[in-house]
Amino acid sequence: MEKQGEKITFKVEGMSCNHCKQSIEKAVRALAGVASATVDLAQNEVEVSFDPQTVKKEELETAIINAGYRVVG
Protein backbone atom coordinates (compact mmCIF):
# COMPACT_ATOMS: atom_id res chain seq x y z
CA MET A 1 0.00 0.00 0.00
CA GLU A 2 1.40 3.40 -1.01
CA LYS A 3 1.84 5.93 1.78
CA GLN A 4 -0.28 9.05 1.44
CA GLY A 5 1.70 12.30 1.24
CA GLU A 6 1.28 15.27 3.51
CA LYS A 7 -0.33 18.63 2.84
CA ILE A 8 0.91 21.93 4.18
CA THR A 9 -0.34 25.47 3.69
CA PHE A 10 2.00 28.45 3.79
CA LYS A 11 0.88 32.06 4.27
CA VAL A 12 2.85 34.11 1.73
CA GLU A 13 3.24 37.86 1.27
CA GLY A 14 4.00 39.58 -2.02
CA MET A 15 1.72 37.60 -4.34
CA SER A 16 -0.59 39.82 -6.36
CA CYS A 17 -1.10 38.45 -9.85
CA ASN A 18 -1.16 35.41 -12.09
CA HIS A 19 2.57 35.73 -12.75
CA CYS A 20 3.22 35.46 -8.98
CA LYS A 21 0.99 32.38 -8.85
CA GLN A 22 2.80 30.69 -11.74
CA SER A 23 6.28 31.56 -10.40
CA ILE A 24 5.62 30.02 -7.00
CA GLU A 25 3.83 26.94 -8.33
CA LYS A 26 6.65 26.28 -10.81
CA ALA A 27 9.38 26.74 -8.17
CA VAL A 28 7.73 24.42 -5.65
CA ARG A 29 6.72 21.76 -8.20
CA ALA A 30 10.34 21.59 -9.39
CA LEU A 31 11.32 19.95 -6.08
CA ALA A 32 11.49 16.17 -5.95
CA GLY A 33 8.70 14.74 -3.82
CA VAL A 34 6.16 17.49 -4.53
CA ALA A 35 2.86 16.11 -5.87
CA SER A 36 1.14 19.49 -6.29
CA ALA A 37 1.39 23.17 -5.41
CA THR A 38 -1.63 25.46 -5.60
CA VAL A 39 -1.62 29.20 -4.96
CA ASP A 40 -4.73 30.98 -3.66
CA LEU A 41 -4.11 34.67 -4.36
CA ALA A 42 -7.23 35.83 -2.49
CA GLN A 43 -6.10 34.07 0.72
CA ASN A 44 -2.35 34.67 0.20
CA GLU A 45 -1.80 30.93 0.63
CA VAL A 46 0.19 28.20 -1.06
CA GLU A 47 -1.02 24.63 -0.48
CA VAL A 48 1.54 21.93 -1.18
CA SER A 49 1.05 18.15 -1.29
CA PHE A 50 4.38 16.42 -0.78
CA ASP A 51 6.20 13.30 0.35
CA PRO A 52 7.92 14.13 3.66
CA GLN A 53 10.38 11.28 3.08
CA THR A 54 11.67 13.03 -0.05
CA VAL A 55 11.37 16.76 0.63
CA LYS A 56 11.32 18.72 3.89
CA LYS A 57 9.08 21.65 4.87
CA GLU A 58 12.14 23.92 5.01
CA GLU A 59 12.97 23.11 1.39
CA LEU A 60 9.45 24.07 0.33
CA GLU A 61 9.76 27.37 2.20
CA THR A 62 13.16 28.04 0.61
CA ALA A 63 11.72 27.49 -2.88
CA ILE A 64 9.02 30.12 -2.20
CA ILE A 65 11.58 32.56 -0.77
CA ASN A 66 13.95 32.00 -3.70
CA ALA A 67 11.09 32.79 -6.08
CA GLY A 68 10.98 36.24 -4.46
CA TYR A 69 8.20 35.96 -1.87
CA ARG A 70 8.00 36.05 1.91
CA VAL A 71 6.65 33.15 3.95
CA VAL A 72 4.85 34.56 7.00
CA GLY A 73 3.14 31.50 8.38
C-alpha atoms as a PDB file:
ATOM      1  CA  MET A   1       0.000   0.000   0.000  1.00  0.00           C
ATOM      2  CA  GLU A   2       1.404   3.396  -1.006  1.00  0.00           C
ATOM      3  CA  LYS A   3       1.844   5.934   1.777  1.00  0.00           C
ATOM      4  CA  GLN A   4      -0.282   9.050   1.438  1.00  0.00           C
ATOM      5  CA  GLY A   5       1.699  12.296   1.235  1.00  0.00           C
ATOM      6  CA  GLU A   6       1.276  15.269   3.515  1.00  0.00           C
ATOM      7  CA  LYS A   7      -0.330  18.626   2.835  1.00  0.00           C
ATOM      8  CA  ILE A   8       0.910  21.930   4.178  1.00  0.00           C
ATOM      9  CA  THR A   9      -0.339  25.472   3.695  1.00  0.00           C
ATOM     10  CA  PHE A  10       1.996  28.453   3.793  1.00  0.00           C
ATOM     11  CA  LYS A  11       0.881  32.062   4.266  1.00  0.00           C
ATOM     12  CA  VAL A  12       2.850  34.106   1.727  1.00  0.00           C
ATOM     13  CA  GLU A  13       3.243  37.864   1.268  1.00  0.00           C
ATOM     14  CA  GLY A  14       4.004  39.578  -2.017  1.00  0.00           C
ATOM     15  CA  MET A  15       1.719  37.596  -4.338  1.00  0.00           C
ATOM     16  CA  SER A  16      -0.589  39.822  -6.359  1.00  0.00           C
ATOM     17  CA  CYS A  17      -1.095  38.453  -9.850  1.00  0.00           C
ATOM     18  CA  ASN A  18      -1.156  35.405 -12.088  1.00  0.00           C
ATOM     19  CA  HIS A  19       2.572  35.733 -12.753  1.00  0.00           C
ATOM     20  CA  CYS A  20       3.216  35.464  -8.984  1.00  0.00           C
ATOM     21  CA  LYS A  21       0.993  32.385  -8.848  1.00  0.00           C
ATOM     22  CA  GLN A  22       2.804  30.694 -11.739  1.00  0.00           C
ATOM     23  CA  SER A  23       6.279  31.563 -10.397  1.00  0.00           C
ATOM     24  CA  ILE A  24       5.616  30.019  -6.995  1.00  0.00           C
ATOM     25  CA  GLU A  25       3.829  26.939  -8.334  1.00  0.00           C
ATOM     26  CA  LYS A  26       6.652  26.284 -10.811  1.00  0.00           C
ATOM     27  CA  ALA A  27       9.380  26.740  -8.172  1.00  0.00           C
ATOM     28  CA  VAL A  28       7.727  24.422  -5.653  1.00  0.00           C
ATOM     29  CA  ARG A  29       6.718  21.763  -8.197  1.00  0.00           C
ATOM     30  CA  ALA A  30      10.341  21.592  -9.387  1.00  0.00           C
ATOM     31  CA  LEU A  31      11.318  19.950  -6.083  1.00  0.00           C
ATOM     32  CA  ALA A  32      11.493  16.168  -5.951  1.00  0.00           C
ATOM     33  CA  GLY A  33       8.704  14.742  -3.821  1.00  0.00           C
ATOM     34  CA  VAL A  34       6.156  17.489  -4.527  1.00  0.00           C
ATOM     35  CA  ALA A  35       2.864  16.114  -5.868  1.00  0.00           C
ATOM     36  CA  SER A  36       1.136  19.488  -6.287  1.00  0.00           C
ATOM     37  CA  ALA A  37       1.394  23.169  -5.413  1.00  0.00           C
ATOM     38  CA  THR A  38      -1.627  25.460  -5.598  1.00  0.00           C
ATOM     39  CA  VAL A  39      -1.619  29.204  -4.964  1.00  0.00           C
ATOM     40  CA  ASP A  40      -4.730  30.978  -3.661  1.00  0.00           C
ATOM     41  CA  LEU A  41      -4.109  34.671  -4.361  1.00  0.00           C
ATOM     42  CA  ALA A  42      -7.232  35.828  -2.485  1.00  0.00           C
ATOM     43  CA  GLN A  43      -6.105  34.068   0.718  1.00  0.00           C
ATOM     44  CA  ASN A  44      -2.352  34.669   0.200  1.00  0.00           C
ATOM     45  CA  GLU A  45      -1.802  30.933   0.628  1.00  0.00           C
ATOM     46  CA  VAL A  46       0.189  28.197  -1.064  1.00  0.00           C
ATOM     47  CA  GLU A  47      -1.022  24.632  -0.484  1.00  0.00           C
ATOM     48  CA  VAL A  48       1.535  21.926  -1.182  1.00  0.00           C
ATOM     49  CA  SER A  49       1.052  18.152  -1.287  1.00  0.00           C
ATOM     50  CA  PHE A  50       4.381  16.418  -0.780  1.00  0.00           C
ATOM     51  CA  ASP A  51       6.195  13.295   0.347  1.00  0.00           C
ATOM     52  CA  PRO A  52       7.921  14.132   3.657  1.00  0.00           C
ATOM     53  CA  GLN A  53      10.380  11.284   3.079  1.00  0.00           C
ATOM     54  CA  THR A  54      11.666  13.030  -0.053  1.00  0.00           C
ATOM     55  CA  VAL A  55      11.365  16.759   0.631  1.00  0.00           C
ATOM     56  CA  LYS A  56      11.323  18.722   3.887  1.00  0.00           C
ATOM     57  CA  LYS A  57       9.081  21.646   4.869  1.00  0.00           C
ATOM     58  CA  GLU A  58      12.143  23.923   5.011  1.00  0.00           C
ATOM     59  CA  GLU A  59      12.973  23.112   1.387  1.00  0.00           C
ATOM     60  CA  LEU A  60       9.447  24.067   0.328  1.00  0.00           C
ATOM     61  CA  GLU A  61       9.761  27.370   2.197  1.00  0.00           C
ATOM     62  CA  THR A  62      13.159  28.037   0.612  1.00  0.00           C
ATOM     63  CA  ALA A  63      11.716  27.487  -2.884  1.00  0.00           C
ATOM     64  CA  ILE A  64       9.025  30.117  -2.204  1.00  0.00           C
ATOM     65  CA  ILE A  65      11.576  32.560  -0.771  1.00  0.00           C
ATOM     66  CA  ASN A  66      13.954  31.996  -3.696  1.00  0.00           C
ATOM     67  CA  ALA A  67      11.085  32.786  -6.080  1.00  0.00           C
ATOM     68  CA  GLY A  68      10.983  36.242  -4.459  1.00  0.00           C
ATOM     69  CA  TYR A  69       8.198  35.962  -1.871  1.00  0.00           C
ATOM     70  CA  ARG A  70       8.002  36.051   1.915  1.00  0.00           C
ATOM     71  CA  VAL A  71       6.654  33.146   3.946  1.00  0.00           C
ATOM     72  CA  VAL A  72       4.850  34.563   6.999  1.00  0.00           C
ATOM     73  CA  GLY A  73       3.143  31.496   8.377  1.00  0.00           C
END
